[in-house]
């Protein structure tokens, strides 16, 4: 991919009045050094947590300094762009206003939303290529008491694409939670797991009533594809 082939995804794929609004994107930058890249699952989980940290930050709410652009972003289509940085690129990106979220080894910096055509130059030059990460070992079973973002087992997504989709899933769950459940999740440092669903239960998950991300089809996969089911304990029924 060139620097122009960004991962710009939306959980809303139908034509909508949202298209008439000025379009914003939520930039996420994953720190990938050649010698020590993070594990794929760690990067996905950290990206999802980074989205939640941005949404819950005081600067993103009320009269906070980022609140206006966060509202504008959410009023239009919900786009996220994942790019990678290393060395001096990472240091320059880290100097911009934003929040760095760490996982087991992964680092993801999330920035306030920016206009689709108005990226800071330090971020605009970063590339999407190089986000094809692997897990050195199976991630194991998720915590049954914590939220799980289930990935579609039938889709082959790059790590960067999957990071954006995991972020969408976390955001959809956040929107549906009560204030008390949001605060409890925040106090738990937004603990969550990202796992690929068993093919035998994927359809059941998509019909469960839990939040489902349907991709807009801008990159990699067909429009309307179900990519993630957000299984938060507070949203389970029955």
Protein backbone atom coordinates (compact mmCIF):
# COMPACT_ATOMS: atom_id res chain seq x y z
CA UNK A 1 0.00 0.00 0.00
CA UNK A 2 1.12 3.56 -0.58
CA UNK A 3 0.72 6.30 1.99
CA UNK A 4 -2.56 7.16 0.28
CA UNK A 5 -4.08 3.71 0.88
CA UNK A 6 -5.30 4.32 4.39
CA UNK A 7 -7.51 2.10 6.48
CA UNK A 8 -10.62 4.26 6.61
CA UNK A 9 -13.45 2.14 7.93
CA UNK A 10 -16.98 2.72 9.18
CA UNK A 11 -19.47 0.51 11.00
CA UNK A 12 -22.19 2.30 9.01
CA UNK A 13 -22.30 1.22 5.36
CA UNK A 14 -25.64 2.49 4.09
CA UNK A 15 -26.31 5.87 2.54
CA UNK A 16 -26.95 8.28 5.37
CA UNK A 17 -27.33 11.97 6.21
CA UNK A 18 -23.97 11.43 7.93
CA UNK A 19 -22.44 11.66 4.45
CA UNK A 20 -23.52 15.29 4.22
CA UNK A 21 -21.42 16.25 7.24
CA UNK A 22 -17.76 17.16 7.00
CA UNK A 23 -15.86 13.89 7.31
CA UNK A 24 -13.37 13.31 10.12
CA UNK A 25 -11.12 10.39 10.98
CA UNK A 26 -9.68 9.13 14.25
CA UNK A 27 -5.95 8.59 13.72
CA UNK A 28 -4.25 5.68 15.47
CA UNK A 29 -0.52 5.07 15.14
CA UNK A 30 0.99 1.74 16.17
CA UNK A 31 4.64 1.64 17.19
CA UNK A 32 6.39 -1.05 15.12
CA UNK A 33 10.14 -1.40 15.30
CA UNK A 34 11.65 -3.85 12.81
CA UNK A 35 13.55 -5.81 15.43
CA UNK A 36 10.74 -6.07 17.96
CA UNK A 37 7.26 -5.79 16.45
CA UNK A 38 4.32 -6.32 18.82
CA UNK A 39 2.21 -9.45 18.65
CA UNK A 40 -0.88 -9.13 16.49
CA UNK A 41 -3.45 -9.78 19.22
CA UNK A 42 -1.68 -7.40 21.60
CA UNK A 43 -1.80 -4.67 18.94
CA UNK A 44 -5.50 -5.29 18.25
CA UNK A 45 -6.43 -5.18 21.93
CA UNK A 46 -4.34 -2.06 22.53
CA UNK A 47 -5.94 -0.26 19.57
CA UNK A 48 -9.43 -1.07 20.87
CA UNK A 49 -8.51 0.21 24.32
CA UNK A 50 -7.02 3.36 22.77
CA UNK A 51 -10.37 4.19 21.16
CA UNK A 52 -12.10 3.80 24.51
CA UNK A 53 -9.50 5.93 26.27
CA UNK A 54 -10.10 8.72 23.75
CA UNK A 55 -13.88 8.50 24.09
CA UNK A 56 -13.75 8.59 27.89
CA UNK A 57 -11.09 11.28 28.27
CA UNK A 58 -12.30 14.49 29.89
CA UNK A 59 -10.89 16.46 26.96
CA UNK A 60 -13.29 14.62 24.63
CA UNK A 61 -16.43 15.41 26.62
CA UNK A 62 -18.50 18.43 27.59
CA UNK A 63 -16.50 21.56 26.99
CA UNK A 64 -13.14 19.78 26.77
CA UNK A 65 -10.55 20.92 24.27
CA UNK A 66 -11.20 17.94 21.97
CA UNK A 67 -14.96 17.73 22.48
CA UNK A 68 -15.97 19.69 19.39
CA UNK A 69 -13.96 17.57 16.95
CA UNK A 70 -15.04 14.36 18.68
CA UNK A 71 -18.67 15.40 18.23
CA UNK A 72 -18.06 16.33 14.59
CA UNK A 73 -16.38 12.96 14.01
CA UNK A 74 -19.27 11.05 15.57
CA UNK A 75 -21.88 13.10 13.70
CA UNK A 76 -20.37 12.01 10.39
CA UNK A 77 -19.27 8.50 9.46
CA UNK A 78 -17.13 6.85 12.09
CA UNK A 79 -13.79 6.50 10.39
CA UNK A 80 -10.54 5.27 11.89
CA UNK A 81 -7.16 5.23 10.22
CA UNK A 82 -4.33 3.02 11.46
CA UNK A 83 -0.76 3.82 10.45
CA UNK A 84 2.60 2.67 11.73
CA UNK A 85 5.71 4.46 12.91
CA UNK A 86 9.16 3.63 14.21
CA UNK A 87 12.21 5.49 15.41
CA UNK A 88 12.13 9.23 14.73
CA UNK A 89 8.67 8.93 13.15
CA UNK A 90 7.26 7.57 16.41
CA UNK A 91 8.97 10.27 18.46
CA UNK A 92 7.55 13.01 16.22
CA UNK A 93 4.06 11.51 16.38
CA UNK A 94 4.32 11.22 20.14
CA UNK A 95 5.00 14.94 20.41
CA UNK A 96 1.56 15.77 18.96
CA UNK A 97 -1.48 16.09 21.24
CA UNK A 98 -2.84 12.62 21.87
CA UNK A 99 -2.74 9.65 24.23
CA UNK A 100 -0.38 6.67 24.15
CA UNK A 101 -1.94 3.43 25.31
CA UNK A 102 0.23 0.42 26.10
CA UNK A 103 -0.56 -3.27 26.07
CA UNK A 104 1.65 -6.21 26.97
CA UNK A 105 4.29 -4.89 24.57
CA UNK A 106 2.28 -2.93 22.01
CA UNK A 107 2.07 0.85 21.96
CA UNK A 108 -0.70 2.70 20.15
CA UNK A 109 -1.08 6.46 20.15
CA UNK A 110 -4.55 7.83 19.48
CA UNK A 111 -5.09 11.42 18.39
CA UNK A 112 -8.13 13.71 18.40
CA UNK A 113 -10.15 13.37 15.18
CA UNK A 114 -8.89 15.33 12.18
CA UNK A 115 -10.64 16.33 8.94
CA UNK A 116 -10.32 13.71 6.22
CA UNK A 117 -8.34 16.22 4.17
CA UNK A 118 -6.56 17.94 7.05
CA UNK A 119 -4.00 15.55 8.54
CA UNK A 120 -1.02 16.94 10.50
CA UNK A 121 2.07 16.52 8.35
CA UNK A 122 3.76 14.34 10.97
CA UNK A 123 0.95 11.80 10.61
CA UNK A 124 0.10 12.25 6.93
CA UNK A 125 3.46 10.85 5.82
CA UNK A 126 3.19 7.68 7.90
CA UNK A 127 2.44 4.49 6.01
CA UNK A 128 -0.14 1.77 6.39
CA UNK A 129 2.14 -0.92 4.96
CA UNK A 130 4.08 -2.84 7.56
CA UNK A 131 1.15 -3.53 9.87
CA UNK A 132 0.98 -7.25 9.00
CA UNK A 133 1.74 -8.63 12.44
CA UNK A 134 1.72 -12.19 13.73
CA UNK A 135 1.11 -13.92 17.02
CA UNK A 136 4.20 -15.94 18.06
CA UNK A 137 1.89 -18.21 20.06
CA UNK A 138 -1.84 -18.81 20.35
CA UNK A 139 -3.35 -16.05 22.51
CA UNK A 140 -5.34 -18.52 24.59
CA UNK A 141 -8.90 -18.38 25.86
CA UNK A 142 -10.29 -14.92 26.71
CA UNK A 143 -11.28 -13.92 30.22
CA UNK A 144 -14.94 -15.06 30.50
CA UNK A 145 -15.74 -12.14 32.81
CA UNK A 146 -14.30 -9.41 30.55
CA UNK A 147 -15.54 -8.04 27.21
CA UNK A 148 -14.50 -9.92 24.07
CA UNK A 149 -14.36 -8.50 20.56
CA UNK A 150 -15.01 -11.48 18.29
CA UNK A 151 -13.52 -11.31 14.78
CA UNK A 152 -15.19 -12.91 11.76
CA UNK A 153 -13.33 -16.19 11.11
CA UNK A 154 -14.15 -16.05 7.39
CA UNK A 155 -12.38 -12.74 6.69
CA UNK A 156 -8.67 -12.31 6.04
CA UNK A 157 -7.80 -8.84 7.35
CA UNK A 158 -4.39 -7.23 7.74
CA UNK A 159 -3.47 -6.31 11.30
CA UNK A 160 -4.06 -2.63 10.58
CA UNK A 161 -7.52 -3.33 9.18
CA UNK A 162 -8.36 -5.57 12.13
CA UNK A 163 -7.14 -2.90 14.56
CA UNK A 164 -9.57 -0.39 13.06
CA UNK A 165 -12.39 -2.93 13.19
CA UNK A 166 -11.65 -3.85 16.81
CA UNK A 167 -11.79 -0.15 17.60
CA UNK A 168 -15.21 0.05 15.96
CA UNK A 169 -16.45 -2.88 18.03
CA UNK A 170 -15.25 -1.31 21.26
CA UNK A 171 -16.92 1.97 20.31
CA UNK A 172 -20.27 0.35 19.51
CA UNK A 173 -20.21 -1.42 22.88
CA UNK A 174 -19.34 1.86 24.63
CA UNK A 175 -22.30 3.62 23.05
CA UNK A 176 -24.73 0.99 24.35
CA UNK A 177 -23.46 0.86 27.94
CA UNK A 178 -24.99 2.71 30.85
CA UNK A 179 -22.95 5.42 32.56
CA UNK A 180 -22.30 3.06 35.47
CA UNK A 181 -21.05 0.27 33.19
CA UNK A 182 -18.85 2.72 31.31
CA UNK A 183 -17.28 3.90 34.55
CA UNK A 184 -16.71 0.33 35.72
CA UNK A 185 -14.98 -0.50 32.44
CA UNK A 186 -12.85 2.62 32.68
CA UNK A 187 -11.82 1.75 36.22
CA UNK A 188 -10.78 -1.69 34.95
CA UNK A 189 -8.44 0.05 32.47
CA UNK A 190 -10.76 -1.08 29.66
CA UNK A 191 -9.78 -4.71 30.04
CA UNK A 192 -10.84 -6.69 26.94
CA UNK A 193 -9.82 -9.48 24.63
CA UNK A 194 -9.81 -9.75 20.85
CA UNK A 195 -10.22 -13.25 19.49
CA UNK A 196 -11.27 -14.91 16.24
CA UNK A 197 -14.64 -16.59 16.71
CA UNK A 198 -15.15 -20.30 16.18
CA UNK A 199 -16.76 -20.68 12.73
CA UNK A 200 -19.47 -22.83 14.30
CA UNK A 201 -20.69 -20.02 16.57
CA UNK A 202 -20.02 -16.93 14.42
CA UNK A 203 -23.52 -16.78 12.92
CA UNK A 204 -25.04 -17.20 16.37
CA UNK A 205 -22.96 -14.28 17.60
CA UNK A 206 -24.13 -12.03 14.76
CA UNK A 207 -27.77 -12.81 15.62
CA UNK A 208 -27.35 -12.50 19.38
CA UNK A 209 -28.38 -8.86 19.66
CA UNK A 210 -24.85 -7.82 20.62
CA UNK A 211 -23.29 -4.88 18.71
CA UNK A 212 -22.12 -5.92 15.24
CA UNK A 213 -19.69 -3.96 13.06
CA UNK A 214 -20.61 -3.94 9.38
CA UNK A 215 -17.79 -2.61 7.25
CA UNK A 216 -18.26 0.20 4.76
CA UNK A 217 -16.06 -1.61 2.25
CA UNK A 218 -13.50 1.13 1.70
CA UNK A 219 -10.57 -1.31 1.95
CA UNK A 220 -9.84 -5.04 1.80
CA UNK A 221 -13.33 -6.53 2.22
CA UNK A 222 -16.78 -6.29 0.65
CA UNK A 223 -19.20 -3.56 1.80
CA UNK A 224 -21.58 -4.72 4.49
CA UNK A 225 -19.35 -7.52 5.75
CA UNK A 226 -19.81 -8.30 9.44
CA UNK A 227 -16.34 -7.99 10.92
CA UNK A 228 -16.68 -7.84 14.71
CA UNK A 229 -19.21 -8.72 17.39
CA UNK A 230 -18.72 -6.82 20.66
CA UNK A 231 -19.53 -9.18 23.54
CA UNK A 232 -19.64 -7.08 26.69
CA UNK A 233 -21.08 -8.87 29.78
CA UNK A 234 -23.37 -5.90 30.51
CA UNK A 235 -24.95 -6.24 27.07
CA UNK A 236 -25.65 -9.95 27.17
CA UNK A 237 -29.25 -11.08 27.38
CA UNK A 238 -30.63 -14.36 28.59
